[in-house]
Amino acid sequence: MSKFPLLGLLLWSSSLMAIEQPRYSVLKEFGGGIEVRQYDAYIIAETEIKAADADQAGNLAFKRLGGYIFGGNRTKQSIAMTAPVSQAKSEKIEMTAPVSQTLKTDGVWLVSFVMPQSYTLATLPVPNDPTVYFKTVPARKVLAIRFSGRWTEQSFAQHQAELLAAVKKNALKSIGNTWTARYDPPFMPGFMRRNEVMIELR
């Protein structure tokens, strides 16, 4: 059984159609599925979850975010599913001006869905759940490593280590923490799945 049953349901509902993704261009490739990307700005619906691990955080967060896009908003409007679903463990950091991270304590996870590009902050339906909020992710440069297979804590740790090693090897300067991105439903065969670990670059 999938560790992310609700995620599977959400992505399955849109698996028969093209799923919109944030726009980006590849600036450089290092091999091993590692590349530097330049992303356009986009809007996310995000929620904060206090949980013991990524599995628990993901399932709790998907109930909130999935509820929102399937009509859990003031206009009862359904919103098209996009990819990827992103998740990061938030850590307490020193404040500078400006920063894109939010001050949190250990054990708090941030899980987000990308909103379709046809919406703006002004036109997105207001969530019924006040713990779902919107944020504009500004245009940014990202180092990403892409891999297939079932997402696990072990696979995340392995590819995170490879990503951070690439930062050091290529004398890149990173900002903040890594995050994960998943593009496919759990019933997708492992060799066909797209998973990523990313980190922002200066």
C-alpha atoms as a PDB file:
ATOM      1  CA  MET A   1       0.000   0.000   0.000  1.00  0.00           C
ATOM      2  CA  SER A   2       1.227   3.493  -0.815  1.00  0.00           C
ATOM      3  CA  LYS A   3       2.551   5.669   1.958  1.00  0.00           C
ATOM      4  CA  PHE A   4       0.720   8.555   0.309  1.00  0.00           C
ATOM      5  CA  PRO A   5      -2.820   7.251  -0.414  1.00  0.00           C
ATOM      6  CA  LEU A   6      -4.437  10.652  -0.751  1.00  0.00           C
ATOM      7  CA  LEU A   7      -1.633  11.900  -2.974  1.00  0.00           C
ATOM      8  CA  GLY A   8      -2.306   8.911  -5.208  1.00  0.00           C
ATOM      9  CA  LEU A   9      -5.988   9.776  -5.384  1.00  0.00           C
ATOM     10  CA  LEU A  10      -5.260  13.391  -6.248  1.00  0.00           C
ATOM     11  CA  LEU A  11      -2.776  12.616  -8.988  1.00  0.00           C
ATOM     12  CA  TRP A  12      -4.836   9.688 -10.306  1.00  0.00           C
ATOM     13  CA  SER A  13      -7.784  12.027 -10.858  1.00  0.00           C
ATOM     14  CA  SER A  14      -5.695  14.046 -13.284  1.00  0.00           C
ATOM     15  CA  SER A  15      -3.444  11.305 -14.680  1.00  0.00           C
ATOM     16  CA  LEU A  16      -5.385  11.077 -17.945  1.00  0.00           C
ATOM     17  CA  MET A  17      -4.626  14.674 -18.852  1.00  0.00           C
ATOM     18  CA  ALA A  18      -1.512  16.766 -19.197  1.00  0.00           C
ATOM     19  CA  ILE A  19      -0.560  18.136 -15.771  1.00  0.00           C
ATOM     20  CA  GLU A  20       0.663  21.718 -15.737  1.00  0.00           C
ATOM     21  CA  GLN A  21       4.121  22.345 -14.289  1.00  0.00           C
ATOM     22  CA  PRO A  22       6.073  25.516 -13.437  1.00  0.00           C
ATOM     23  CA  ARG A  23       7.959  26.921 -16.414  1.00  0.00           C
ATOM     24  CA  TYR A  24      11.736  26.615 -16.367  1.00  0.00           C
ATOM     25  CA  SER A  25      14.730  26.465 -18.681  1.00  0.00           C
ATOM     26  CA  VAL A  26      17.813  24.283 -18.199  1.00  0.00           C
ATOM     27  CA  LEU A  27      20.948  26.418 -17.929  1.00  0.00           C
ATOM     28  CA  LYS A  28      23.535  23.691 -17.381  1.00  0.00           C
ATOM     29  CA  GLU A  29      23.740  19.905 -17.007  1.00  0.00           C
ATOM     30  CA  PHE A  30      26.291  18.115 -14.831  1.00  0.00           C
ATOM     31  CA  GLY A  31      25.310  14.498 -15.559  1.00  0.00           C
ATOM     32  CA  GLY A  32      23.723  12.005 -13.205  1.00  0.00           C
ATOM     33  CA  GLY A  33      20.357  13.748 -13.525  1.00  0.00           C
ATOM     34  CA  ILE A  34      21.730  16.986 -12.033  1.00  0.00           C
ATOM     35  CA  GLU A  35      20.998  20.299 -13.737  1.00  0.00           C
ATOM     36  CA  VAL A  36      20.790  24.027 -13.089  1.00  0.00           C
ATOM     37  CA  ARG A  37      17.352  25.457 -13.895  1.00  0.00           C
ATOM     38  CA  GLN A  38      15.945  28.953 -14.134  1.00  0.00           C
ATOM     39  CA  TYR A  39      12.311  29.009 -12.987  1.00  0.00           C
ATOM     40  CA  ASP A  40       9.703  31.633 -13.761  1.00  0.00           C
ATOM     41  CA  ALA A  41       7.698  32.962 -10.814  1.00  0.00           C
ATOM     42  CA  TYR A  42       4.654  30.919  -9.766  1.00  0.00           C
ATOM     43  CA  ILE A  43       2.058  30.740  -7.001  1.00  0.00           C
ATOM     44  CA  ILE A  44       1.725  27.902  -4.511  1.00  0.00           C
ATOM     45  CA  ALA A  45      -0.959  26.859  -2.051  1.00  0.00           C
ATOM     46  CA  GLU A  46       0.930  25.807   1.059  1.00  0.00           C
ATOM     47  CA  THR A  47       0.192  24.421   4.505  1.00  0.00           C
ATOM     48  CA  GLU A  48       2.299  23.805   7.592  1.00  0.00           C
ATOM     49  CA  ILE A  49       2.178  20.446   9.345  1.00  0.00           C
ATOM     50  CA  LYS A  50       3.779  19.395  12.616  1.00  0.00           C
ATOM     51  CA  ALA A  51       4.606  15.721  12.244  1.00  0.00           C
ATOM     52  CA  ALA A  52       7.113  13.086  13.255  1.00  0.00           C
ATOM     53  CA  ASP A  53       8.206  12.277   9.708  1.00  0.00           C
ATOM     54  CA  ALA A  54       7.661  13.018   6.027  1.00  0.00           C
ATOM     55  CA  ASP A  55       5.055  10.290   5.528  1.00  0.00           C
ATOM     56  CA  GLN A  56       2.779  11.562   8.267  1.00  0.00           C
ATOM     57  CA  ALA A  57       3.251  15.180   7.213  1.00  0.00           C
ATOM     58  CA  GLY A  58       2.465  14.372   3.605  1.00  0.00           C
ATOM     59  CA  ASN A  59      -0.767  12.552   4.306  1.00  0.00           C
ATOM     60  CA  LEU A  60      -2.050  15.225   6.703  1.00  0.00           C
ATOM     61  CA  ALA A  61      -1.126  18.043   4.340  1.00  0.00           C
ATOM     62  CA  PHE A  62      -2.682  16.422   1.277  1.00  0.00           C
ATOM     63  CA  LYS A  63      -6.044  16.280   3.036  1.00  0.00           C
ATOM     64  CA  ARG A  64      -5.963  20.038   3.454  1.00  0.00           C
ATOM     65  CA  LEU A  65      -4.564  20.957   0.056  1.00  0.00           C
ATOM     66  CA  GLY A  66      -6.586  18.358  -1.820  1.00  0.00           C
ATOM     67  CA  GLY A  67      -9.715  19.534  -0.059  1.00  0.00           C
ATOM     68  CA  TYR A  68      -9.018  23.049  -1.269  1.00  0.00           C
ATOM     69  CA  ILE A  69      -8.510  22.230  -4.955  1.00  0.00           C
ATOM     70  CA  PHE A  70     -11.514  19.882  -5.007  1.00  0.00           C
ATOM     71  CA  GLY A  71     -13.917  22.615  -3.976  1.00  0.00           C
ATOM     72  CA  GLY A  72     -13.064  23.395  -0.371  1.00  0.00           C
ATOM     73  CA  ASN A  73     -13.222  27.128  -0.995  1.00  0.00           C
ATOM     74  CA  ARG A  74     -15.764  29.915  -0.757  1.00  0.00           C
ATOM     75  CA  THR A  75     -16.881  29.607  -4.371  1.00  0.00           C
ATOM     76  CA  LYS A  76     -16.811  25.764  -4.307  1.00  0.00           C
ATOM     77  CA  GLN A  77     -14.628  25.903  -7.397  1.00  0.00           C
ATOM     78  CA  SER A  78     -12.492  22.948  -8.474  1.00  0.00           C
ATOM     79  CA  ILE A  79      -8.923  23.758  -9.466  1.00  0.00           C
ATOM     80  CA  ALA A  80      -6.868  21.669 -11.890  1.00  0.00           C
ATOM     81  CA  MET A  81      -4.143  19.512 -10.360  1.00  0.00           C
ATOM     82  CA  THR A  82      -0.595  20.522 -11.203  1.00  0.00           C
ATOM     83  CA  ALA A  83       2.820  18.987 -10.573  1.00  0.00           C
ATOM     84  CA  PRO A  84       5.018  18.676  -8.648  1.00  0.00           C
ATOM     85  CA  VAL A  85       3.875  18.270  -5.073  1.00  0.00           C
ATOM     86  CA  SER A  86       6.675  19.782  -3.004  1.00  0.00           C
ATOM     87  CA  GLN A  87       7.619  19.085   0.592  1.00  0.00           C
ATOM     88  CA  ALA A  88      10.337  20.458   2.843  1.00  0.00           C
ATOM     89  CA  LYS A  89      11.251  20.211   6.486  1.00  0.00           C
ATOM     90  CA  SER A  90      11.359  23.707   7.857  1.00  0.00           C
ATOM     91  CA  GLU A  91      14.201  24.668  10.131  1.00  0.00           C
ATOM     92  CA  LYS A  92      14.754  27.704  12.296  1.00  0.00           C
ATOM     93  CA  ILE A  93      17.015  30.188  10.522  1.00  0.00           C
ATOM     94  CA  GLU A  94      18.363  33.633  11.248  1.00  0.00           C
ATOM     95  CA  MET A  95      16.326  36.446   9.727  1.00  0.00           C
ATOM     96  CA  THR A  96      17.837  38.593   6.991  1.00  0.00           C
ATOM     97  CA  ALA A  97      16.166  41.041   4.668  1.00  0.00           C
ATOM     98  CA  PRO A  98      14.626  39.819   2.518  1.00  0.00           C
ATOM     99  CA  VAL A  99      14.300  36.020   2.790  1.00  0.00           C
ATOM    100  CA  SER A 100      11.852  33.595   1.228  1.00  0.00           C
ATOM    101  CA  GLN A 101      11.933  31.118   4.118  1.00  0.00           C
ATOM    102  CA  THR A 102       9.509  31.308   7.034  1.00  0.00           C
ATOM    103  CA  LEU A 103      10.735  31.069  10.615  1.00  0.00           C
ATOM    104  CA  LYS A 104       9.668  27.697  12.022  1.00  0.00           C
ATOM    105  CA  THR A 105      10.833  25.165  14.577  1.00  0.00           C
ATOM    106  CA  ASP A 106      11.974  21.573  14.071  1.00  0.00           C
ATOM    107  CA  GLY A 107       9.250  19.084  13.261  1.00  0.00           C
ATOM    108  CA  VAL A 108       7.268  21.451  11.046  1.00  0.00           C
ATOM    109  CA  TRP A 109       6.892  20.476   7.388  1.00  0.00           C
ATOM    110  CA  LEU A 110       5.829  22.725   4.530  1.00  0.00           C
ATOM    111  CA  VAL A 111       3.848  20.987   1.774  1.00  0.00           C
ATOM    112  CA  SER A 112       2.661  22.821  -1.312  1.00  0.00           C
ATOM    113  CA  PHE A 113       0.758  22.467  -4.566  1.00  0.00           C
ATOM    114  CA  VAL A 114       1.611  24.696  -7.524  1.00  0.00           C
ATOM    115  CA  MET A 115      -1.376  26.736  -8.661  1.00  0.00           C
ATOM    116  CA  PRO A 116      -2.299  26.889 -12.393  1.00  0.00           C
ATOM    117  CA  GLN A 117      -0.723  29.825 -14.189  1.00  0.00           C
ATOM    118  CA  SER A 118      -4.137  31.131 -15.211  1.00  0.00           C
ATOM    119  CA  TYR A 119      -4.684  32.325 -11.620  1.00  0.00           C
ATOM    120  CA  THR A 120      -3.305  35.318  -9.734  1.00  0.00           C
ATOM    121  CA  LEU A 121      -3.332  35.934  -6.000  1.00  0.00           C
ATOM    122  CA  ALA A 122      -6.395  38.114  -6.574  1.00  0.00           C
ATOM    123  CA  THR A 123      -8.368  35.510  -8.556  1.00  0.00           C
ATOM    124  CA  LEU A 124      -7.637  32.323  -6.585  1.00  0.00           C
ATOM    125  CA  PRO A 125     -10.693  31.151  -4.590  1.00  0.00           C
ATOM    126  CA  VAL A 126     -10.415  31.782  -0.852  1.00  0.00           C
ATOM    127  CA  PRO A 127      -9.793  28.502   1.063  1.00  0.00           C
ATOM    128  CA  ASN A 128     -12.363  27.399   3.620  1.00  0.00           C
ATOM    129  CA  ASP A 129      -9.469  26.102   5.728  1.00  0.00           C
ATOM    130  CA  PRO A 130      -7.450  29.046   7.144  1.00  0.00           C
ATOM    131  CA  THR A 131      -4.361  26.834   7.447  1.00  0.00           C
ATOM    132  CA  VAL A 132      -4.071  26.800   3.638  1.00  0.00           C
ATOM    133  CA  TYR A 133      -2.433  29.958   2.375  1.00  0.00           C
ATOM    134  CA  PHE A 134      -0.907  31.284  -0.843  1.00  0.00           C
ATOM    135  CA  LYS A 135       2.596  32.417  -1.593  1.00  0.00           C
ATOM    136  CA  THR A 136       4.306  33.727  -4.710  1.00  0.00           C
ATOM    137  CA  VAL A 137       7.577  31.938  -5.390  1.00  0.00           C
ATOM    138  CA  PRO A 138       9.744  34.481  -7.213  1.00  0.00           C
ATOM    139  CA  ALA A 139      11.767  33.652 -10.308  1.00  0.00           C
ATOM    140  CA  ARG A 140      14.836  31.797  -9.114  1.00  0.00           C
ATOM    141  CA  LYS A 141      17.756  29.580 -10.058  1.00  0.00           C
ATOM    142  CA  VAL A 142      17.644  26.012  -8.745  1.00  0.00           C
ATOM    143  CA  LEU A 143      19.937  22.998  -8.722  1.00  0.00           C
ATOM    144  CA  ALA A 144      17.898  19.812  -9.140  1.00  0.00           C
ATOM    145  CA  ILE A 145      18.639  16.098  -9.196  1.00  0.00           C
ATOM    146  CA  ARG A 146      16.122  13.849 -10.892  1.00  0.00           C
ATOM    147  CA  PHE A 147      15.615  10.165 -10.090  1.00  0.00           C
ATOM    148  CA  SER A 148      13.049   7.406 -10.528  1.00  0.00           C
ATOM    149  CA  GLY A 149      11.716   4.758  -8.183  1.00  0.00           C
ATOM    150  CA  ARG A 150       9.529   4.838  -5.096  1.00  0.00           C
ATOM    151  CA  TRP A 151      10.075   7.841  -2.860  1.00  0.00           C
ATOM    152  CA  THR A 152      11.532   6.879   0.523  1.00  0.00           C
ATOM    153  CA  GLU A 153      13.471   8.653   3.265  1.00  0.00           C
ATOM    154  CA  GLN A 154      16.512   6.625   2.199  1.00  0.00           C
ATOM    155  CA  SER A 155      16.276   7.598  -1.468  1.00  0.00           C
ATOM    156  CA  PHE A 156      15.769  11.231  -0.485  1.00  0.00           C
ATOM    157  CA  ALA A 157      18.848  11.185   1.769  1.00  0.00           C
ATOM    158  CA  GLN A 158      20.963   9.535  -0.937  1.00  0.00           C
ATOM    159  CA  HIS A 159      20.032  12.012  -3.647  1.00  0.00           C
ATOM    160  CA  GLN A 160      20.197  14.967  -1.294  1.00  0.00           C
ATOM    161  CA  ALA A 161      23.807  13.995  -0.533  1.00  0.00           C
ATOM    162  CA  GLU A 162      24.576  13.794  -4.270  1.00  0.00           C
ATOM    163  CA  LEU A 163      22.971  17.183  -4.838  1.00  0.00           C
ATOM    164  CA  LEU A 164      24.933  18.868  -2.039  1.00  0.00           C
ATOM    165  CA  ALA A 165      28.132  17.213  -3.269  1.00  0.00           C
ATOM    166  CA  ALA A 166      27.477  18.754  -6.703  1.00  0.00           C
ATOM    167  CA  VAL A 167      27.059  22.178  -5.083  1.00  0.00           C
ATOM    168  CA  LYS A 168      30.481  21.848  -3.484  1.00  0.00           C
ATOM    169  CA  LYS A 169      32.214  20.229  -6.475  1.00  0.00           C
ATOM    170  CA  ASN A 170      31.059  22.935  -8.888  1.00  0.00           C
ATOM    171  CA  ALA A 171      31.675  25.845  -6.469  1.00  0.00           C
ATOM    172  CA  LEU A 172      28.005  26.845  -6.445  1.00  0.00           C
ATOM    173  CA  LYS A 173      26.425  28.917  -3.685  1.00  0.00           C
ATOM    174  CA  SER A 174      23.158  27.574  -2.314  1.00  0.00           C
ATOM    175  CA  ILE A 175      20.407  29.279  -0.326  1.00  0.00           C
ATOM    176  CA  GLY A 176      18.302  27.666   2.408  1.00  0.00           C
ATOM    177  CA  ASN A 177      17.326  24.007   2.666  1.00  0.00           C
ATOM    178  CA  THR A 178      16.624  21.262   0.142  1.00  0.00           C
ATOM    179  CA  TRP A 179      13.093  20.171  -0.735  1.00  0.00           C
ATOM    180  CA  THR A 180      11.511  17.233  -2.510  1.00  0.00           C
ATOM    181  CA  ALA A 181       9.228  17.225  -5.543  1.00  0.00           C
ATOM    182  CA  ARG A 182       7.063  14.336  -6.716  1.00  0.00           C
ATOM    183  CA  TYR A 183       5.347  14.288 -10.108  1.00  0.00           C
ATOM    184  CA  ASP A 184       3.536  10.951 -10.343  1.00  0.00           C
ATOM    185  CA  PRO A 185       0.874   8.915  -8.501  1.00  0.00           C
ATOM    186  CA  PRO A 186       2.036   5.997  -6.320  1.00  0.00           C
ATOM    187  CA  PHE A 187       0.566   3.376  -8.694  1.00  0.00           C
ATOM    188  CA  MET A 188       2.924   4.552 -11.471  1.00  0.00           C
ATOM    189  CA  PRO A 189       5.631   1.884 -12.006  1.00  0.00           C
ATOM    190  CA  GLY A 190       8.778   2.883 -10.136  1.00  0.00           C
ATOM    191  CA  PHE A 191      10.978   3.084 -13.224  1.00  0.00           C
ATOM    192  CA  MET A 192       8.532   5.594 -14.769  1.00  0.00           C
ATOM    193  CA  ARG A 193       8.246   7.899 -11.763  1.00  0.00           C
ATOM    194  CA  ARG A 194       9.819  11.323 -11.607  1.00  0.00           C
ATOM    195  CA  ASN A 195      11.170  12.435  -8.231  1.00  0.00           C
ATOM    196  CA  GLU A 196      13.501  15.339  -7.534  1.00  0.00           C
ATOM    197  CA  VAL A 197      15.485  16.972  -4.784  1.00  0.00           C
ATOM    198  CA  MET A 198      16.154  20.684  -5.246  1.00  0.00           C
ATOM    199  CA  ILE A 199      17.983  23.572  -3.649  1.00  0.00           C
ATOM    200  CA  GLU A 200      17.974  27.258  -4.550  1.00  0.00           C
ATOM    201  CA  LEU A 201      21.150  28.871  -5.891  1.00  0.00           C
ATOM    202  CA  ARG A 202      22.356  32.427  -5.557  1.00  0.00           C
END
